[in-house]
């Protein structure tokens, strides 16, 4: 019985410790919820619903006119007070590009060649 209680306490403590921090801003100003990408889809959907960002289909249309290649990854995050999509693209020369797009306007913020 004693071992079961210890196991319960350890399991409950671990569960609380591993719970994701959502929508929390801390005293240092760093928004830790952006570290965990598990909720990126929900955050993006809500931002589209509020009219804060463009839908993904429109962003992809605009991206195709600005950068040629195949999208192989996407991240959604808040940087410097604005919503940003980071698209990982394999370009026509086989290079991996990281293209940062302002999610509200669809404008390329930066393009990095890795």
N, C-alpha and C. Protein backbone atom coordinates (compact mmCIF):
# COMPACT_ATOMS: atom_id res chain seq x y z
N UNK A 1 0.83 -1.20 0.00
CA UNK A 1 0.00 0.00 0.00
C UNK A 1 0.87 1.26 0.00
N UNK A 2 1.95 1.24 0.79
CA UNK A 2 2.83 2.39 0.88
C UNK A 2 3.47 2.67 -0.48
N UNK A 3 3.88 1.62 -1.19
CA UNK A 3 4.49 1.80 -2.50
C UNK A 3 3.51 2.35 -3.51
N UNK A 4 2.25 1.95 -3.41
CA UNK A 4 1.23 2.47 -4.33
C UNK A 4 1.04 3.97 -4.11
N UNK A 5 1.04 4.40 -2.86
CA UNK A 5 0.86 5.82 -2.54
C UNK A 5 2.05 6.63 -3.09
N UNK A 6 3.25 6.12 -2.91
CA UNK A 6 4.44 6.82 -3.42
C UNK A 6 4.38 6.91 -4.93
N UNK A 7 3.98 5.82 -5.58
CA UNK A 7 3.86 5.81 -7.04
C UNK A 7 2.80 6.82 -7.48
N UNK A 8 1.68 6.91 -6.77
CA UNK A 8 0.63 7.87 -7.10
C UNK A 8 1.15 9.30 -6.98
N UNK A 9 1.84 9.60 -5.89
CA UNK A 9 2.36 10.95 -5.66
C UNK A 9 3.38 11.31 -6.74
N UNK A 10 4.27 10.40 -7.06
CA UNK A 10 5.27 10.66 -8.10
C UNK A 10 4.61 10.86 -9.46
N UNK A 11 3.63 10.03 -9.79
CA UNK A 11 2.94 10.15 -11.07
C UNK A 11 2.18 11.45 -11.16
N UNK A 12 1.47 11.82 -10.10
CA UNK A 12 0.71 13.07 -10.10
C UNK A 12 1.65 14.27 -10.20
N UNK A 13 2.76 14.22 -9.48
CA UNK A 13 3.72 15.31 -9.55
C UNK A 13 4.34 15.45 -10.92
N UNK A 14 4.64 14.34 -11.55
CA UNK A 14 5.20 14.36 -12.90
C UNK A 14 4.19 14.90 -13.90
N UNK A 15 2.93 14.51 -13.75
CA UNK A 15 1.90 15.00 -14.66
C UNK A 15 1.75 16.51 -14.56
N UNK A 16 1.77 17.04 -13.35
CA UNK A 16 1.65 18.49 -13.17
C UNK A 16 2.88 19.19 -13.74
N UNK A 17 4.05 18.62 -13.54
CA UNK A 17 5.28 19.20 -14.04
C UNK A 17 5.31 19.25 -15.55
N UNK A 18 4.78 18.23 -16.21
CA UNK A 18 4.83 18.15 -17.66
C UNK A 18 3.68 18.84 -18.37
N UNK A 19 2.72 19.38 -17.61
CA UNK A 19 1.59 20.07 -18.23
C UNK A 19 2.11 21.28 -19.01
N UNK A 20 1.66 21.47 -20.24
CA UNK A 20 2.15 22.61 -21.02
C UNK A 20 1.64 23.93 -20.47
N UNK A 21 2.49 24.91 -20.54
CA UNK A 21 2.10 26.26 -20.16
C UNK A 21 1.46 26.90 -21.37
N UNK A 22 0.21 27.32 -21.26
CA UNK A 22 -0.48 27.91 -22.39
C UNK A 22 -0.87 29.34 -22.09
N UNK A 23 -0.63 30.20 -23.07
CA UNK A 23 -1.06 31.59 -23.00
C UNK A 23 -0.60 32.29 -21.73
N UNK A 24 0.65 32.05 -21.36
CA UNK A 24 1.18 32.69 -20.16
C UNK A 24 2.35 33.58 -20.54
N UNK A 25 2.34 34.77 -19.99
CA UNK A 25 3.48 35.66 -20.17
C UNK A 25 4.11 35.81 -18.79
N UNK A 26 5.42 35.81 -18.74
CA UNK A 26 6.11 35.85 -17.48
C UNK A 26 6.74 37.22 -17.27
N UNK A 27 7.22 37.45 -16.06
CA UNK A 27 7.77 38.75 -15.68
C UNK A 27 8.91 39.19 -16.59
N UNK A 28 9.65 38.24 -17.13
CA UNK A 28 10.76 38.62 -18.01
C UNK A 28 10.28 38.98 -19.41
N UNK A 29 8.96 38.89 -19.66
CA UNK A 29 8.40 39.28 -20.95
C UNK A 29 8.45 38.19 -22.00
N UNK A 30 9.08 37.08 -21.67
CA UNK A 30 9.21 35.99 -22.64
C UNK A 30 7.95 35.14 -22.58
N UNK A 31 7.34 34.89 -23.71
CA UNK A 31 6.11 34.10 -23.76
C UNK A 31 6.47 32.65 -23.99
N UNK A 32 6.50 31.87 -22.94
CA UNK A 32 7.00 30.50 -23.01
C UNK A 32 6.09 29.55 -23.79
N UNK A 33 4.85 29.90 -24.02
CA UNK A 33 3.99 28.99 -24.76
C UNK A 33 4.44 28.79 -26.19
N UNK A 34 5.26 29.68 -26.72
CA UNK A 34 5.71 29.54 -28.10
C UNK A 34 6.81 28.49 -28.22
N UNK A 35 7.35 28.03 -27.08
CA UNK A 35 8.36 26.98 -27.13
C UNK A 35 7.75 25.66 -27.57
N UNK A 36 6.50 25.43 -27.23
CA UNK A 36 5.84 24.16 -27.50
C UNK A 36 4.94 24.32 -28.70
N UNK A 37 5.22 23.62 -29.77
CA UNK A 37 4.48 23.77 -31.01
C UNK A 37 3.23 22.91 -31.07
N UNK A 38 2.89 22.20 -29.98
CA UNK A 38 1.73 21.32 -29.99
C UNK A 38 0.43 22.07 -30.26
N UNK A 39 0.37 23.34 -29.95
CA UNK A 39 -0.87 24.10 -30.08
C UNK A 39 -0.83 25.09 -31.24
N UNK A 40 0.15 24.97 -32.12
CA UNK A 40 0.31 25.92 -33.22
C UNK A 40 -0.92 25.94 -34.12
N UNK A 41 -1.48 24.78 -34.43
CA UNK A 41 -2.65 24.72 -35.30
C UNK A 41 -3.81 25.49 -34.67
N UNK A 42 -4.06 25.26 -33.39
CA UNK A 42 -5.17 25.94 -32.71
C UNK A 42 -4.94 27.45 -32.65
N UNK A 43 -3.70 27.86 -32.37
CA UNK A 43 -3.40 29.30 -32.32
C UNK A 43 -3.60 29.93 -33.70
N UNK A 44 -3.16 29.25 -34.73
CA UNK A 44 -3.31 29.78 -36.10
C UNK A 44 -4.78 29.86 -36.48
N UNK A 45 -5.53 28.83 -36.19
CA UNK A 45 -6.96 28.83 -36.53
C UNK A 45 -7.68 29.98 -35.84
N UNK A 46 -7.39 30.18 -34.56
CA UNK A 46 -8.04 31.28 -33.82
C UNK A 46 -7.62 32.64 -34.38
N UNK A 47 -6.35 32.77 -34.76
CA UNK A 47 -5.87 34.05 -35.32
C UNK A 47 -6.54 34.33 -36.67
N UNK A 48 -6.76 33.30 -37.48
CA UNK A 48 -7.49 33.48 -38.75
C UNK A 48 -8.92 33.89 -38.45
N UNK A 49 -9.56 33.21 -37.50
CA UNK A 49 -10.95 33.54 -37.14
C UNK A 49 -11.09 34.98 -36.66
N UNK A 50 -10.07 35.49 -35.97
CA UNK A 50 -10.11 36.87 -35.47
C UNK A 50 -9.69 37.88 -36.54
N UNK A 51 -9.26 37.38 -37.70
CA UNK A 51 -8.82 38.27 -38.78
C UNK A 51 -7.42 38.82 -38.59
N UNK A 52 -6.64 38.22 -37.71
CA UNK A 52 -5.29 38.70 -37.44
C UNK A 52 -4.29 38.23 -38.49
N UNK A 53 -4.56 37.09 -39.13
CA UNK A 53 -3.64 36.54 -40.12
C UNK A 53 -4.43 36.03 -41.32
N UNK A 54 -3.71 35.83 -42.42
CA UNK A 54 -4.32 35.26 -43.63
C UNK A 54 -4.43 33.74 -43.51
N UNK A 55 -5.41 33.15 -44.16
CA UNK A 55 -5.50 31.69 -44.18
C UNK A 55 -4.27 31.09 -44.88
N UNK A 56 -3.93 29.88 -44.51
CA UNK A 56 -2.75 29.21 -45.05
C UNK A 56 -2.79 29.13 -46.58
N UNK A 57 -3.95 28.86 -47.17
CA UNK A 57 -4.04 28.75 -48.64
C UNK A 57 -3.58 30.04 -49.32
N UNK A 58 -3.99 31.19 -48.78
CA UNK A 58 -3.57 32.47 -49.37
C UNK A 58 -2.08 32.71 -49.17
N UNK A 59 -1.57 32.34 -48.00
CA UNK A 59 -0.14 32.50 -47.74
C UNK A 59 0.69 31.64 -48.69
N UNK A 60 0.24 30.42 -48.93
CA UNK A 60 0.97 29.53 -49.84
C UNK A 60 0.93 30.05 -51.27
N UNK A 61 -0.21 30.63 -51.68
CA UNK A 61 -0.30 31.23 -53.02
C UNK A 61 0.73 32.35 -53.17
N UNK A 62 0.80 33.22 -52.17
CA UNK A 62 1.74 34.34 -52.22
C UNK A 62 3.18 33.86 -52.16
N UNK A 63 3.42 32.83 -51.35
CA UNK A 63 4.77 32.30 -51.21
C UNK A 63 5.26 31.73 -52.54
N UNK A 64 4.38 31.05 -53.28
CA UNK A 64 4.76 30.46 -54.57
C UNK A 64 5.24 31.51 -55.57
N UNK A 65 4.68 32.71 -55.48
CA UNK A 65 5.09 33.77 -56.41
C UNK A 65 6.42 34.40 -56.01
N UNK A 66 6.84 34.18 -54.76
CA UNK A 66 8.06 34.82 -54.26
C UNK A 66 9.26 33.87 -54.15
N UNK A 67 8.99 32.58 -53.90
CA UNK A 67 10.06 31.60 -53.71
C UNK A 67 9.66 30.31 -54.41
N UNK A 68 10.54 29.81 -55.28
CA UNK A 68 10.25 28.56 -55.98
C UNK A 68 10.83 27.39 -55.20
N UNK A 69 10.04 26.32 -55.09
CA UNK A 69 10.50 25.13 -54.40
C UNK A 69 9.35 24.39 -53.75
N UNK A 70 9.71 23.36 -52.99
CA UNK A 70 8.72 22.51 -52.33
C UNK A 70 8.75 22.76 -50.83
N UNK A 71 7.58 23.06 -50.26
CA UNK A 71 7.46 23.27 -48.82
C UNK A 71 7.57 21.91 -48.13
N UNK A 72 8.52 21.80 -47.21
CA UNK A 72 8.72 20.54 -46.49
C UNK A 72 8.49 20.68 -44.99
N UNK A 73 8.22 21.89 -44.53
CA UNK A 73 7.96 22.11 -43.11
C UNK A 73 7.42 23.50 -42.87
N UNK A 74 6.61 23.61 -41.81
CA UNK A 74 6.01 24.90 -41.46
C UNK A 74 5.99 25.03 -39.94
N UNK A 75 6.33 26.21 -39.45
CA UNK A 75 6.19 26.52 -38.03
C UNK A 75 5.43 27.83 -37.92
N UNK A 76 4.63 27.96 -36.87
CA UNK A 76 3.84 29.16 -36.62
C UNK A 76 4.23 29.69 -35.26
N UNK A 77 4.60 30.95 -35.19
CA UNK A 77 5.06 31.50 -33.93
C UNK A 77 4.81 33.00 -33.86
N UNK A 78 4.98 33.51 -32.69
CA UNK A 78 4.84 34.95 -32.46
C UNK A 78 6.25 35.49 -32.25
N UNK A 79 6.67 36.41 -33.11
CA UNK A 79 8.00 37.01 -33.00
C UNK A 79 7.88 38.52 -33.09
N UNK A 80 8.49 39.18 -32.14
CA UNK A 80 8.53 40.65 -32.12
C UNK A 80 7.14 41.27 -32.26
N UNK A 81 6.17 40.66 -31.58
CA UNK A 81 4.83 41.21 -31.55
C UNK A 81 3.96 40.92 -32.76
N UNK A 82 4.42 40.04 -33.65
CA UNK A 82 3.58 39.71 -34.81
C UNK A 82 3.63 38.20 -35.06
N UNK A 83 2.58 37.73 -35.75
CA UNK A 83 2.50 36.32 -36.12
C UNK A 83 3.38 36.08 -37.34
N UNK A 84 4.18 35.02 -37.26
CA UNK A 84 5.12 34.70 -38.33
C UNK A 84 5.03 33.20 -38.65
N UNK A 85 5.03 32.91 -39.95
CA UNK A 85 5.18 31.53 -40.40
C UNK A 85 6.61 31.35 -40.86
N UNK A 86 7.22 30.25 -40.45
CA UNK A 86 8.53 29.86 -40.97
C UNK A 86 8.31 28.66 -41.88
N UNK A 87 8.55 28.85 -43.15
CA UNK A 87 8.42 27.77 -44.12
C UNK A 87 9.81 27.23 -44.42
N UNK A 88 9.96 25.93 -44.34
CA UNK A 88 11.18 25.27 -44.78
C UNK A 88 10.90 24.77 -46.20
N UNK A 89 11.77 25.20 -47.12
CA UNK A 89 11.54 24.93 -48.54
C UNK A 89 12.81 24.34 -49.15
N UNK A 90 12.64 23.30 -49.95
CA UNK A 90 13.72 22.79 -50.77
C UNK A 90 13.58 23.50 -52.12
N UNK A 91 14.57 24.33 -52.47
CA UNK A 91 14.44 25.11 -53.71
C UNK A 91 14.81 24.25 -54.93
N UNK A 92 14.72 24.85 -56.09
CA UNK A 92 14.95 24.12 -57.34
C UNK A 92 16.40 23.65 -57.49
N UNK A 93 17.31 24.19 -56.68
CA UNK A 93 18.72 23.75 -56.71
C UNK A 93 19.03 22.75 -55.61
N UNK A 94 17.98 22.35 -54.84
CA UNK A 94 18.17 21.37 -53.78
C UNK A 94 18.62 21.94 -52.46
N UNK A 95 18.65 23.25 -52.32
CA UNK A 95 19.05 23.89 -51.06
C UNK A 95 17.86 23.97 -50.11
N UNK A 96 18.15 23.89 -48.81
CA UNK A 96 17.12 24.08 -47.79
C UNK A 96 17.06 25.56 -47.45
N UNK A 97 15.90 26.16 -47.65
CA UNK A 97 15.68 27.56 -47.33
C UNK A 97 14.73 27.66 -46.15
N UNK A 98 14.95 28.65 -45.30
CA UNK A 98 13.99 29.01 -44.26
C UNK A 98 13.45 30.37 -44.63
N UNK A 99 12.16 30.40 -44.90
CA UNK A 99 11.52 31.64 -45.35
C UNK A 99 10.54 32.07 -44.26
N UNK A 100 10.75 33.26 -43.74
CA UNK A 100 9.89 33.82 -42.70
C UNK A 100 8.90 34.77 -43.36
N UNK A 101 7.62 34.52 -43.10
CA UNK A 101 6.53 35.27 -43.72
C UNK A 101 5.70 35.95 -42.63
N UNK A 102 5.40 37.22 -42.82
CA UNK A 102 4.46 37.91 -41.94
C UNK A 102 3.08 37.31 -42.21
N UNK A 103 2.51 36.67 -41.22
CA UNK A 103 1.25 35.93 -41.39
C UNK A 103 0.06 36.84 -41.66
N UNK A 104 0.16 38.11 -41.32
CA UNK A 104 -0.94 39.04 -41.55
C UNK A 104 -0.94 39.55 -42.99
N UNK A 105 0.25 39.80 -43.54
CA UNK A 105 0.32 40.41 -44.87
C UNK A 105 0.78 39.46 -45.96
N UNK A 106 1.46 38.37 -45.58
CA UNK A 106 2.00 37.45 -46.57
C UNK A 106 3.32 37.91 -47.15
N UNK A 107 3.92 38.92 -46.56
CA UNK A 107 5.20 39.47 -47.03
C UNK A 107 6.36 38.66 -46.48
N UNK A 108 7.35 38.40 -47.34
CA UNK A 108 8.57 37.72 -46.87
C UNK A 108 9.34 38.69 -45.98
N UNK A 109 9.62 38.25 -44.77
CA UNK A 109 10.40 39.04 -43.81
C UNK A 109 11.88 38.77 -44.03
N UNK A 110 12.21 37.49 -44.13
CA UNK A 110 13.60 37.12 -44.38
C UNK A 110 13.66 35.75 -45.03
N UNK A 111 14.79 35.50 -45.68
CA UNK A 111 15.04 34.23 -46.33
C UNK A 111 16.45 33.82 -45.99
N UNK A 112 16.57 32.62 -45.39
CA UNK A 112 17.88 32.12 -45.00
C UNK A 112 18.20 30.86 -45.78
N UNK A 113 19.40 30.81 -46.31
CA UNK A 113 19.89 29.66 -47.06
C UNK A 113 20.75 28.83 -46.12
N UNK A 114 20.32 27.61 -45.82
CA UNK A 114 21.09 26.76 -44.89
C UNK A 114 21.96 25.80 -45.63
